[in-house]
Amino acid sequence: MYSLDLNQPTELRCGGERVLLVDDEPRIRELCKMFLESRHYHVDLAADGEEALFALSEKQYELLITDHLMPKLSGLDLVRQLRANGNHIPAILISGDMPVHEPDLRQLFSEGALLAKPFSMSQFLAAVDETLRTAQPAA
């Protein structure tokens, strides 16, 4: 289960970055959105990789957070497709079944951008902060 873990000290961003959150589980989408919005992020939601591709073609985002195992298009394949098309948006992969044996996993995601379910909200927000903090400016 997901926990709040409010006792763990963290230095988190409180910026207005636009985030696309992709997960096929509505409860996870809503819970993560609530916490991101509490830190003043602007959050759009998608239920699968195909919805995410459409959203990414319509709007500019500073961060993509995606589940891995979803219908239509997995999170890993979503990021692969984005990279193949020249989109280098910073991305975080969340999954209860992390695809650790995929040879390109470490090339597609920065250190700290792989988050195994279940995770605490402080871990989640720290991963968001770290990924945005270390992201290279868009070319």
Protein backbone atom coordinates (compact mmCIF):
# COMPACT_ATOMS: atom_id res chain seq x y z
CA MET A 1 0.00 0.00 0.00
CA TYR A 2 1.09 3.58 -0.51
CA SER A 3 2.08 5.55 2.56
CA LEU A 4 2.44 9.21 3.33
CA ASP A 5 5.67 8.92 5.34
CA LEU A 6 5.41 12.55 6.46
CA ASN A 7 8.13 12.18 9.08
CA GLN A 8 10.89 11.75 6.52
CA PRO A 9 12.61 15.11 5.93
CA THR A 10 12.85 16.13 2.30
CA GLU A 11 13.78 19.20 0.33
CA LEU A 12 11.15 19.22 -2.37
CA ARG A 13 10.51 21.58 -5.24
CA CYS A 14 7.36 23.63 -5.17
CA GLY A 15 7.31 24.77 -8.77
CA GLY A 16 4.69 25.25 -11.43
CA GLU A 17 6.05 22.69 -13.87
CA ARG A 18 3.56 20.85 -16.07
CA VAL A 19 3.55 17.08 -15.46
CA LEU A 20 1.89 14.30 -17.44
CA LEU A 21 1.02 11.34 -15.20
CA VAL A 22 0.19 8.06 -16.95
CA ASP A 23 -1.22 5.05 -15.09
CA ASP A 24 -4.05 2.64 -15.84
CA GLU A 25 -5.06 2.49 -12.16
CA PRO A 26 -7.40 5.43 -11.39
CA ARG A 27 -6.65 5.42 -7.65
CA ILE A 28 -2.92 5.75 -8.24
CA ARG A 29 -3.45 8.51 -10.80
CA GLU A 30 -5.65 10.51 -8.45
CA LEU A 31 -3.47 10.01 -5.36
CA CYS A 32 -0.27 11.01 -7.17
CA LYS A 33 -2.04 13.96 -8.80
CA MET A 34 -3.24 15.18 -5.41
CA PHE A 35 0.29 15.14 -3.98
CA LEU A 36 1.82 16.78 -7.04
CA GLU A 37 -0.80 19.52 -6.99
CA SER A 38 -0.13 20.08 -3.29
CA ARG A 39 3.39 21.04 -4.44
CA HIS A 40 1.93 23.38 -7.09
CA TYR A 41 2.67 21.24 -10.13
CA HIS A 42 0.18 21.41 -13.00
CA VAL A 43 -0.88 17.81 -13.65
CA ASP A 44 -2.61 16.21 -16.62
CA LEU A 45 -3.62 12.55 -16.55
CA ALA A 46 -3.63 9.74 -19.10
CA ALA A 47 -4.86 6.17 -18.60
CA ASP A 48 -2.49 4.49 -21.07
CA GLY A 49 0.45 5.08 -23.36
CA GLU A 50 -1.66 5.97 -26.39
CA GLU A 51 -3.50 8.70 -24.44
CA ALA A 52 -0.11 9.93 -23.27
CA LEU A 53 1.22 10.18 -26.84
CA PHE A 54 -1.78 12.28 -27.80
CA ALA A 55 -1.39 14.55 -24.75
CA LEU A 56 2.33 14.98 -25.49
CA SER A 57 1.52 16.00 -29.07
CA GLU A 58 -0.93 18.64 -27.81
CA LYS A 59 0.95 20.23 -24.89
CA GLN A 60 4.45 20.88 -23.65
CA TYR A 61 5.39 19.10 -20.39
CA GLU A 62 8.46 19.36 -18.19
CA LEU A 63 8.06 15.81 -16.81
CA LEU A 64 6.49 12.49 -17.76
CA ILE A 65 5.62 10.00 -15.01
CA THR A 66 4.47 6.67 -16.39
CA ASP A 67 3.48 3.27 -15.15
CA HIS A 68 5.11 0.41 -17.02
CA LEU A 69 2.45 -2.29 -17.45
CA MET A 70 -0.59 -0.71 -19.12
CA PRO A 71 -2.96 -1.63 -21.91
CA LYS A 72 -2.25 -0.50 -25.49
CA LEU A 73 1.30 0.78 -24.92
CA SER A 74 3.61 0.09 -21.99
CA GLY A 75 5.43 2.89 -20.21
CA LEU A 76 8.77 1.60 -21.44
CA ASP A 77 7.55 1.48 -25.04
CA LEU A 78 6.04 4.96 -24.64
CA VAL A 79 9.43 6.39 -23.64
CA ARG A 80 11.19 4.39 -26.37
CA GLN A 81 8.84 5.87 -28.95
CA LEU A 82 9.32 9.40 -27.62
CA ARG A 83 13.12 9.06 -27.72
CA ALA A 84 13.02 7.64 -31.25
CA ASN A 85 11.04 10.74 -32.29
CA GLY A 86 13.56 13.10 -30.66
CA ASN A 87 11.52 13.92 -27.55
CA HIS A 88 13.83 13.88 -24.53
CA ILE A 89 11.35 14.87 -21.84
CA PRO A 90 12.57 13.80 -18.40
CA ALA A 91 10.69 10.65 -17.40
CA ILE A 92 10.05 8.56 -14.31
CA LEU A 93 8.98 4.93 -14.62
CA ILE A 94 6.82 3.54 -11.82
CA SER A 95 6.01 -0.15 -11.72
CA GLY A 96 5.20 -3.09 -9.52
CA ASP A 97 7.07 -5.21 -12.08
CA MET A 98 10.13 -3.20 -13.06
CA PRO A 99 11.57 -4.37 -16.41
CA VAL A 100 15.11 -4.68 -15.04
CA HIS A 101 16.25 -7.05 -17.78
CA GLU A 102 15.52 -4.62 -20.61
CA PRO A 103 18.92 -3.61 -22.04
CA ASP A 104 17.98 0.03 -22.69
CA LEU A 105 16.29 0.72 -19.34
CA ARG A 106 19.23 2.67 -17.86
CA GLN A 107 19.68 4.63 -21.09
CA LEU A 108 16.05 5.77 -21.13
CA PHE A 109 15.76 6.80 -17.46
CA SER A 110 18.14 8.78 -15.28
CA GLU A 111 19.40 7.56 -11.92
CA GLY A 112 16.58 7.72 -9.40
CA ALA A 113 13.87 7.78 -12.08
CA LEU A 114 12.84 4.15 -11.56
CA LEU A 115 10.34 3.84 -8.73
CA ALA A 116 9.06 0.43 -7.61
CA LYS A 117 5.46 0.13 -6.41
CA PRO A 118 4.46 0.38 -3.66
CA PHE A 119 6.28 3.57 -2.74
CA SER A 120 5.76 6.28 -0.16
CA MET A 121 4.59 9.68 -1.28
CA SER A 122 7.79 11.20 0.08
CA GLN A 123 9.79 8.80 -2.18
CA PHE A 124 7.56 9.74 -5.11
CA LEU A 125 7.90 13.48 -4.57
CA ALA A 126 11.66 13.16 -4.00
CA ALA A 127 11.99 11.28 -7.33
CA VAL A 128 10.01 14.03 -9.07
CA ASP A 129 12.19 16.70 -7.51
CA GLU A 130 15.45 14.94 -8.34
CA THR A 131 14.43 14.18 -11.93
CA LEU A 132 13.43 17.79 -12.57
CA ARG A 133 16.49 19.14 -10.78
CA THR A 134 18.92 17.09 -12.88
CA ALA A 135 17.05 17.38 -16.19
CA GLN A 136 18.99 18.90 -19.04
CA PRO A 137 17.36 21.95 -20.62
CA ALA A 138 15.43 21.09 -23.77
CA ALA A 139 17.53 21.42 -26.91
